[in-house]
Amino acid sequence: GYFFTSRWLPMNQVSIGRFAKKHGVWARQIQGREQCRMFIKVPMKIFDYRLSGNEMKVYLYLARIKNDSEIAMAKRETIRMRCGLRSNTTVGSILHVLEQKGLISKFHRYAANGYYISSMYLLKPLVGKWFAFYADDMLPAVGGSEFLVYLYLFMLRRENGKAWPSLRKMERATGLARGTVCKAIRNLEKNCFIAREEIRKGKHNLYTIIQPKEEGKAGK
């Protein structure tokens, strides 16, 4: 059997049910299978944590594979490939940042013989409004800054798929410099993730957000 713990305890000293209850998740047996979901419920509060683009990618990937107990299990190599990151060291640094910001708690998973298998991540539930986003195809396809800008535009889009935030508003929301935001917009447009048109010179641009996959409906 497998177990996870922050204290490196042997299996017979850990009750998964008690552990889950202690950490505020549903007290049911932890399932290791990756669940298939059509979309990710992205909490709007996530932008308050001032994540970089690559940090956002990793957080959303963990949110994508978590089970009903808010537990995600993945090796660093898998996270690196799915998020289009350069190295496992980069993944480790990002996971550390997410842990420092209180978004995840990391635990280790071992076999009965004590052999390390992989890490497990308990995601902090973020209450409030959310929007639906399908990220599987996009995570490895664009850089971190492009992904962060796209995600923000996607959150703001109306039913017609259009949004018109100012550059200043995008700077504040993403924490990116204006030049970085403009470069990200150009790259997104070049790769057909958005279409941009100038409504009137000196005014905000109108962005049409091209969805990478069919999505679900937003909720509260």
C-alpha atoms as a PDB file:
ATOM      1  CA  GLY A   1       0.000   0.000   0.000  1.00  0.00           C
ATOM      2  CA  TYR A   2       0.924   3.655  -0.250  1.00  0.00           C
ATOM      3  CA  PHE A   3       0.893   6.466   2.255  1.00  0.00           C
ATOM      4  CA  PHE A   4       1.684  10.144   2.355  1.00  0.00           C
ATOM      5  CA  THR A   5       2.906  12.264   5.237  1.00  0.00           C
ATOM      6  CA  SER A   6       4.875  15.380   6.014  1.00  0.00           C
ATOM      7  CA  ARG A   7       6.581  13.555   8.889  1.00  0.00           C
ATOM      8  CA  TRP A   8       7.977  10.554   7.013  1.00  0.00           C
ATOM      9  CA  LEU A   9       6.030   8.074   9.183  1.00  0.00           C
ATOM     10  CA  PRO A  10       5.655   4.363   8.443  1.00  0.00           C
ATOM     11  CA  MET A  11       2.351   3.288   6.942  1.00  0.00           C
ATOM     12  CA  ASN A  12       0.851   1.690  10.044  1.00  0.00           C
ATOM     13  CA  GLN A  13       1.116   5.001  11.934  1.00  0.00           C
ATOM     14  CA  VAL A  14      -0.894   6.975   9.421  1.00  0.00           C
ATOM     15  CA  SER A  15      -4.626   6.880   8.927  1.00  0.00           C
ATOM     16  CA  ILE A  16      -5.522   8.467   5.599  1.00  0.00           C
ATOM     17  CA  GLY A  17      -9.040   9.149   6.834  1.00  0.00           C
ATOM     18  CA  ARG A  18      -7.852  10.950   9.983  1.00  0.00           C
ATOM     19  CA  PHE A  19      -5.237  12.829   8.005  1.00  0.00           C
ATOM     20  CA  ALA A  20      -7.780  14.006   5.449  1.00  0.00           C
ATOM     21  CA  LYS A  21     -10.172  15.110   8.170  1.00  0.00           C
ATOM     22  CA  LYS A  22      -7.402  16.968  10.024  1.00  0.00           C
ATOM     23  CA  HIS A  23      -6.448  18.914   6.912  1.00  0.00           C
ATOM     24  CA  GLY A  24     -10.006  19.896   6.042  1.00  0.00           C
ATOM     25  CA  VAL A  25     -10.628  17.584   3.098  1.00  0.00           C
ATOM     26  CA  TRP A  26     -13.261  14.905   2.765  1.00  0.00           C
ATOM     27  CA  ALA A  27     -12.410  11.842   4.844  1.00  0.00           C
ATOM     28  CA  ARG A  28     -12.535   9.233   2.125  1.00  0.00           C
ATOM     29  CA  GLN A  29      -9.876   6.982   0.690  1.00  0.00           C
ATOM     30  CA  ILE A  30      -7.438   8.855  -1.529  1.00  0.00           C
ATOM     31  CA  GLN A  31      -7.601   7.777  -5.134  1.00  0.00           C
ATOM     32  CA  GLY A  32      -4.410   7.934  -7.207  1.00  0.00           C
ATOM     33  CA  ARG A  33      -6.040   7.866 -10.613  1.00  0.00           C
ATOM     34  CA  GLU A  34      -6.035  11.056 -12.639  1.00  0.00           C
ATOM     35  CA  GLN A  35      -9.617  12.126 -13.227  1.00  0.00           C
ATOM     36  CA  CYS A  36     -10.811  13.262 -16.641  1.00  0.00           C
ATOM     37  CA  ARG A  37     -12.539  16.634 -16.521  1.00  0.00           C
ATOM     38  CA  MET A  38     -13.787  18.650 -19.450  1.00  0.00           C
ATOM     39  CA  PHE A  39     -12.674  21.921 -17.850  1.00  0.00           C
ATOM     40  CA  ILE A  40     -10.966  23.438 -14.843  1.00  0.00           C
ATOM     41  CA  LYS A  41     -12.901  25.582 -12.387  1.00  0.00           C
ATOM     42  CA  VAL A  42     -10.523  28.517 -12.050  1.00  0.00           C
ATOM     43  CA  PRO A  43     -11.205  30.625  -8.945  1.00  0.00           C
ATOM     44  CA  MET A  44     -11.076  34.324  -9.738  1.00  0.00           C
ATOM     45  CA  LYS A  45      -9.235  34.867  -6.450  1.00  0.00           C
ATOM     46  CA  ILE A  46      -6.185  33.142  -7.892  1.00  0.00           C
ATOM     47  CA  PHE A  47      -5.115  36.454  -9.454  1.00  0.00           C
ATOM     48  CA  ASP A  48      -4.818  37.906  -5.935  1.00  0.00           C
ATOM     49  CA  TYR A  49      -1.837  35.596  -5.317  1.00  0.00           C
ATOM     50  CA  ARG A  50       0.290  37.371  -7.950  1.00  0.00           C
ATOM     51  CA  LEU A  51       1.502  34.171  -9.587  1.00  0.00           C
ATOM     52  CA  SER A  52       3.861  34.249 -12.535  1.00  0.00           C
ATOM     53  CA  GLY A  53       2.691  32.656 -15.768  1.00  0.00           C
ATOM     54  CA  ASN A  54       4.535  29.396 -15.163  1.00  0.00           C
ATOM     55  CA  GLU A  55       3.371  29.261 -11.550  1.00  0.00           C
ATOM     56  CA  MET A  56      -0.185  29.665 -12.802  1.00  0.00           C
ATOM     57  CA  LYS A  57       0.359  26.843 -15.290  1.00  0.00           C
ATOM     58  CA  VAL A  58       1.507  24.434 -12.592  1.00  0.00           C
ATOM     59  CA  TYR A  59      -1.282  25.427 -10.215  1.00  0.00           C
ATOM     60  CA  LEU A  60      -3.937  24.877 -12.883  1.00  0.00           C
ATOM     61  CA  TYR A  61      -2.421  21.556 -13.917  1.00  0.00           C
ATOM     62  CA  LEU A  62      -2.621  20.344 -10.313  1.00  0.00           C
ATOM     63  CA  ALA A  63      -6.188  21.650 -10.159  1.00  0.00           C
ATOM     64  CA  ARG A  64      -6.879  19.712 -13.363  1.00  0.00           C
ATOM     65  CA  ILE A  65      -5.734  16.345 -11.974  1.00  0.00           C
ATOM     66  CA  LYS A  66      -6.866  16.641  -8.354  1.00  0.00           C
ATOM     67  CA  ASN A  67      -9.403  14.177  -7.016  1.00  0.00           C
ATOM     68  CA  ASP A  68     -12.506  14.821  -4.924  1.00  0.00           C
ATOM     69  CA  SER A  69     -10.348  15.183  -1.805  1.00  0.00           C
ATOM     70  CA  GLU A  70      -8.366  18.055  -3.355  1.00  0.00           C
ATOM     71  CA  ILE A  71      -5.311  15.794  -3.729  1.00  0.00           C
ATOM     72  CA  ALA A  72      -3.161  15.836  -6.876  1.00  0.00           C
ATOM     73  CA  MET A  73      -0.455  13.253  -7.516  1.00  0.00           C
ATOM     74  CA  ALA A  74       2.203  13.842 -10.154  1.00  0.00           C
ATOM     75  CA  LYS A  75       5.919  13.449 -10.720  1.00  0.00           C
ATOM     76  CA  ARG A  76       7.978  16.512 -11.536  1.00  0.00           C
ATOM     77  CA  GLU A  77       8.786  15.135 -14.968  1.00  0.00           C
ATOM     78  CA  THR A  78       5.083  14.796 -15.750  1.00  0.00           C
ATOM     79  CA  ILE A  79       4.391  18.349 -14.579  1.00  0.00           C
ATOM     80  CA  ARG A  80       7.295  19.628 -16.660  1.00  0.00           C
ATOM     81  CA  MET A  81       6.025  17.968 -19.828  1.00  0.00           C
ATOM     82  CA  ARG A  82       2.377  18.918 -19.347  1.00  0.00           C
ATOM     83  CA  CYS A  83       3.198  22.547 -18.592  1.00  0.00           C
ATOM     84  CA  GLY A  84       5.939  23.037 -21.178  1.00  0.00           C
ATOM     85  CA  LEU A  85       8.627  23.946 -18.622  1.00  0.00           C
ATOM     86  CA  ARG A  86      12.384  23.763 -19.132  1.00  0.00           C
ATOM     87  CA  SER A  87      13.524  21.458 -16.346  1.00  0.00           C
ATOM     88  CA  ASN A  88      12.485  19.495 -13.285  1.00  0.00           C
ATOM     89  CA  THR A  89      14.453  22.012 -11.223  1.00  0.00           C
ATOM     90  CA  THR A  90      12.138  24.755 -12.511  1.00  0.00           C
ATOM     91  CA  VAL A  91       9.145  22.644 -11.500  1.00  0.00           C
ATOM     92  CA  GLY A  92      10.590  22.181  -8.013  1.00  0.00           C
ATOM     93  CA  SER A  93      11.117  25.919  -7.592  1.00  0.00           C
ATOM     94  CA  ILE A  94       7.550  26.643  -8.717  1.00  0.00           C
ATOM     95  CA  LEU A  95       6.089  24.050  -6.347  1.00  0.00           C
ATOM     96  CA  HIS A  96       8.070  25.642  -3.518  1.00  0.00           C
ATOM     97  CA  VAL A  97       6.591  29.073  -4.356  1.00  0.00           C
ATOM     98  CA  LEU A  98       3.050  27.663  -4.448  1.00  0.00           C
ATOM     99  CA  GLU A  99       3.665  26.044  -1.072  1.00  0.00           C
ATOM    100  CA  GLN A 100       5.095  29.263   0.394  1.00  0.00           C
ATOM    101  CA  LYS A 101       2.010  31.159  -0.798  1.00  0.00           C
ATOM    102  CA  GLY A 102      -0.267  28.663   0.921  1.00  0.00           C
ATOM    103  CA  LEU A 103      -1.881  27.324  -2.254  1.00  0.00           C
ATOM    104  CA  ILE A 104      -0.629  23.752  -1.842  1.00  0.00           C
ATOM    105  CA  SER A 105       0.780  21.454   0.837  1.00  0.00           C
ATOM    106  CA  LYS A 106       3.301  18.868  -0.283  1.00  0.00           C
ATOM    107  CA  PHE A 107       3.540  15.292   0.990  1.00  0.00           C
ATOM    108  CA  HIS A 108       5.538  12.244  -0.023  1.00  0.00           C
ATOM    109  CA  ARG A 109       4.135   8.947  -1.242  1.00  0.00           C
ATOM    110  CA  TYR A 110       5.964   5.683  -0.508  1.00  0.00           C
ATOM    111  CA  ALA A 111       5.505   1.999  -1.178  1.00  0.00           C
ATOM    112  CA  ALA A 112       5.184  -0.440   1.713  1.00  0.00           C
ATOM    113  CA  ASN A 113       8.928  -1.181   1.495  1.00  0.00           C
ATOM    114  CA  GLY A 114       9.762   2.502   2.025  1.00  0.00           C
ATOM    115  CA  TYR A 115      10.593   3.211  -1.630  1.00  0.00           C
ATOM    116  CA  TYR A 116       9.742   6.770  -2.659  1.00  0.00           C
ATOM    117  CA  ILE A 117       7.175   6.870  -5.466  1.00  0.00           C
ATOM    118  CA  SER A 118       6.076  10.454  -6.006  1.00  0.00           C
ATOM    119  CA  SER A 119       4.782  13.554  -4.283  1.00  0.00           C
ATOM    120  CA  MET A 120       1.199  14.419  -3.438  1.00  0.00           C
ATOM    121  CA  TYR A 121      -0.198  17.925  -3.302  1.00  0.00           C
ATOM    122  CA  LEU A 122      -3.127  19.065  -1.198  1.00  0.00           C
ATOM    123  CA  LEU A 123      -4.709  22.113  -2.839  1.00  0.00           C
ATOM    124  CA  LYS A 124      -6.161  24.891  -0.743  1.00  0.00           C
ATOM    125  CA  PRO A 125      -9.839  25.415  -1.625  1.00  0.00           C
ATOM    126  CA  LEU A 126     -10.469  28.956  -2.888  1.00  0.00           C
ATOM    127  CA  VAL A 127     -14.071  29.992  -2.404  1.00  0.00           C
ATOM    128  CA  GLY A 128     -15.940  32.573  -4.420  1.00  0.00           C
ATOM    129  CA  LYS A 129     -16.616  33.150  -8.088  1.00  0.00           C
ATOM    130  CA  TRP A 130     -14.939  30.998 -10.698  1.00  0.00           C
ATOM    131  CA  PHE A 131     -14.796  30.545 -14.449  1.00  0.00           C
ATOM    132  CA  ALA A 132     -14.421  27.441 -16.555  1.00  0.00           C
ATOM    133  CA  PHE A 133     -11.288  26.938 -18.610  1.00  0.00           C
ATOM    134  CA  TYR A 134      -9.925  24.029 -20.607  1.00  0.00           C
ATOM    135  CA  ALA A 135      -6.149  24.209 -20.372  1.00  0.00           C
ATOM    136  CA  ASP A 136      -4.745  20.823 -21.414  1.00  0.00           C
ATOM    137  CA  ASP A 137      -3.825  21.794 -24.965  1.00  0.00           C
ATOM    138  CA  MET A 138      -2.671  25.294 -24.111  1.00  0.00           C
ATOM    139  CA  LEU A 139      -0.426  24.764 -21.067  1.00  0.00           C
ATOM    140  CA  PRO A 140       2.630  23.545 -23.013  1.00  0.00           C
ATOM    141  CA  ALA A 141       1.877  25.588 -26.137  1.00  0.00           C
ATOM    142  CA  VAL A 142       2.625  29.129 -24.940  1.00  0.00           C
ATOM    143  CA  GLY A 143       5.073  30.873 -22.639  1.00  0.00           C
ATOM    144  CA  GLY A 144       4.252  31.893 -19.090  1.00  0.00           C
ATOM    145  CA  SER A 145       3.528  35.562 -19.802  1.00  0.00           C
ATOM    146  CA  GLU A 146       1.334  34.715 -22.792  1.00  0.00           C
ATOM    147  CA  PHE A 147      -0.602  32.191 -20.740  1.00  0.00           C
ATOM    148  CA  LEU A 148      -1.184  34.648 -17.883  1.00  0.00           C
ATOM    149  CA  VAL A 149      -2.452  37.384 -20.210  1.00  0.00           C
ATOM    150  CA  TYR A 150      -4.653  34.920 -22.106  1.00  0.00           C
ATOM    151  CA  LEU A 151      -6.146  33.548 -18.885  1.00  0.00           C
ATOM    152  CA  TYR A 152      -6.982  37.054 -17.693  1.00  0.00           C
ATOM    153  CA  LEU A 153      -8.622  37.973 -21.005  1.00  0.00           C
ATOM    154  CA  PHE A 154     -10.494  34.670 -20.932  1.00  0.00           C
ATOM    155  CA  MET A 155     -11.831  35.486 -17.474  1.00  0.00           C
ATOM    156  CA  LEU A 156     -13.092  38.901 -18.632  1.00  0.00           C
ATOM    157  CA  ARG A 157     -14.685  37.763 -21.879  1.00  0.00           C
ATOM    158  CA  ARG A 158     -18.398  38.304 -22.403  1.00  0.00           C
ATOM    159  CA  GLU A 159     -20.820  35.804 -23.918  1.00  0.00           C
ATOM    160  CA  ASN A 160     -19.754  36.920 -27.384  1.00  0.00           C
ATOM    161  CA  GLY A 161     -16.159  35.948 -26.555  1.00  0.00           C
ATOM    162  CA  LYS A 162     -14.903  39.542 -26.481  1.00  0.00           C
ATOM    163  CA  ALA A 163     -13.136  41.608 -23.842  1.00  0.00           C
ATOM    164  CA  TRP A 164     -11.701  45.138 -23.814  1.00  0.00           C
ATOM    165  CA  PRO A 165      -9.511  45.734 -20.733  1.00  0.00           C
ATOM    166  CA  SER A 166      -6.972  48.540 -20.766  1.00  0.00           C
ATOM    167  CA  LEU A 167      -3.258  47.782 -20.740  1.00  0.00           C
ATOM    168  CA  ARG A 168      -3.078  49.353 -17.293  1.00  0.00           C
ATOM    169  CA  LYS A 169      -5.717  46.981 -15.987  1.00  0.00           C
ATOM    170  CA  MET A 170      -3.879  43.989 -17.455  1.00  0.00           C
ATOM    171  CA  GLU A 171      -0.631  45.205 -15.878  1.00  0.00           C
ATOM    172  CA  ARG A 172      -2.244  45.420 -12.436  1.00  0.00           C
ATOM    173  CA  ALA A 173      -3.996  42.059 -12.684  1.00  0.00           C
ATOM    174  CA  THR A 174      -1.050  40.039 -13.994  1.00  0.00           C
ATOM    175  CA  GLY A 175       1.843  41.855 -12.333  1.00  0.00           C
ATOM    176  CA  LEU A 176       3.591  42.088 -15.703  1.00  0.00           C
ATOM    177  CA  ALA A 177       5.294  45.173 -17.110  1.00  0.00           C
ATOM    178  CA  ARG A 178       3.487  46.946 -19.938  1.00  0.00           C
ATOM    179  CA  GLY A 179       6.097  45.935 -22.485  1.00  0.00           C
ATOM    180  CA  THR A 180       5.719  42.288 -21.458  1.00  0.00           C
ATOM    181  CA  VAL A 181       1.921  42.520 -21.714  1.00  0.00           C
ATOM    182  CA  CYS A 182       2.159  44.037 -25.201  1.00  0.00           C
ATOM    183  CA  LYS A 183       4.614  41.376 -26.342  1.00  0.00           C
ATOM    184  CA  ALA A 184       2.362  38.642 -24.960  1.00  0.00           C
ATOM    185  CA  ILE A 185      -0.627  40.090 -26.825  1.00  0.00           C
ATOM    186  CA  ARG A 186       1.330  40.143 -30.086  1.00  0.00           C
ATOM    187  CA  ASN A 187       2.416  36.543 -29.630  1.00  0.00           C
ATOM    188  CA  LEU A 188      -1.106  35.404 -28.750  1.00  0.00           C
ATOM    189  CA  GLU A 189      -2.438  37.153 -31.823  1.00  0.00           C
ATOM    190  CA  LYS A 190       0.297  35.667 -34.023  1.00  0.00           C
ATOM    191  CA  ASN A 191      -0.546  32.161 -32.788  1.00  0.00           C
ATOM    192  CA  CYS A 192      -4.304  32.665 -33.220  1.00  0.00           C
ATOM    193  CA  PHE A 193      -5.249  32.532 -29.548  1.00  0.00           C
ATOM    194  CA  ILE A 194      -6.799  35.989 -29.753  1.00  0.00           C
ATOM    195  CA  ALA A 195      -7.835  38.471 -32.422  1.00  0.00           C
ATOM    196  CA  ARG A 196      -7.271  42.172 -31.780  1.00  0.00           C
ATOM    197  CA  GLU A 197      -8.903  45.219 -33.288  1.00  0.00           C
ATOM    198  CA  GLU A 198      -8.634  48.897 -32.508  1.00  0.00           C
ATOM    199  CA  ILE A 199     -12.050  50.342 -31.701  1.00  0.00           C
ATOM    200  CA  ARG A 200     -10.901  53.932 -31.889  1.00  0.00           C
ATOM    201  CA  LYS A 201      -7.408  55.365 -31.863  1.00  0.00           C
ATOM    202  CA  GLY A 202      -6.255  56.080 -28.343  1.00  0.00           C
ATOM    203  CA  LYS A 203      -8.957  53.858 -26.841  1.00  0.00           C
ATOM    204  CA  HIS A 204      -8.842  50.282 -25.530  1.00  0.00           C
ATOM    205  CA  ASN A 205      -8.387  47.455 -27.971  1.00  0.00           C
ATOM    206  CA  LEU A 206     -11.153  44.919 -28.478  1.00  0.00           C
ATOM    207  CA  TYR A 207      -9.965  41.347 -28.029  1.00  0.00           C
ATOM    208  CA  THR A 208     -11.756  38.282 -29.338  1.00  0.00           C
ATOM    209  CA  ILE A 209     -10.702  35.297 -27.268  1.00  0.00           C
ATOM    210  CA  ILE A 210     -10.383  32.095 -29.272  1.00  0.00           C
ATOM    211  CA  GLN A 211     -11.085  29.168 -27.002  1.00  0.00           C
ATOM    212  CA  PRO A 212      -8.647  26.244 -27.192  1.00  0.00           C
ATOM    213  CA  LYS A 213     -11.362  23.756 -26.273  1.00  0.00           C
ATOM    214  CA  GLU A 214     -15.052  23.591 -25.556  1.00  0.00           C
ATOM    215  CA  GLU A 215     -15.731  24.875 -22.073  1.00  0.00           C
ATOM    216  CA  GLY A 216     -18.289  24.571 -19.326  1.00  0.00           C
ATOM    217  CA  LYS A 217     -20.299  27.389 -17.816  1.00  0.00           C
ATOM    218  CA  ALA A 218     -19.014  29.807 -15.233  1.00  0.00           C
ATOM    219  CA  GLY A 219     -20.465  29.787 -11.751  1.00  0.00           C
ATOM    220  CA  LYS A 220     -20.278  31.284  -8.323  1.00  0.00           C
END
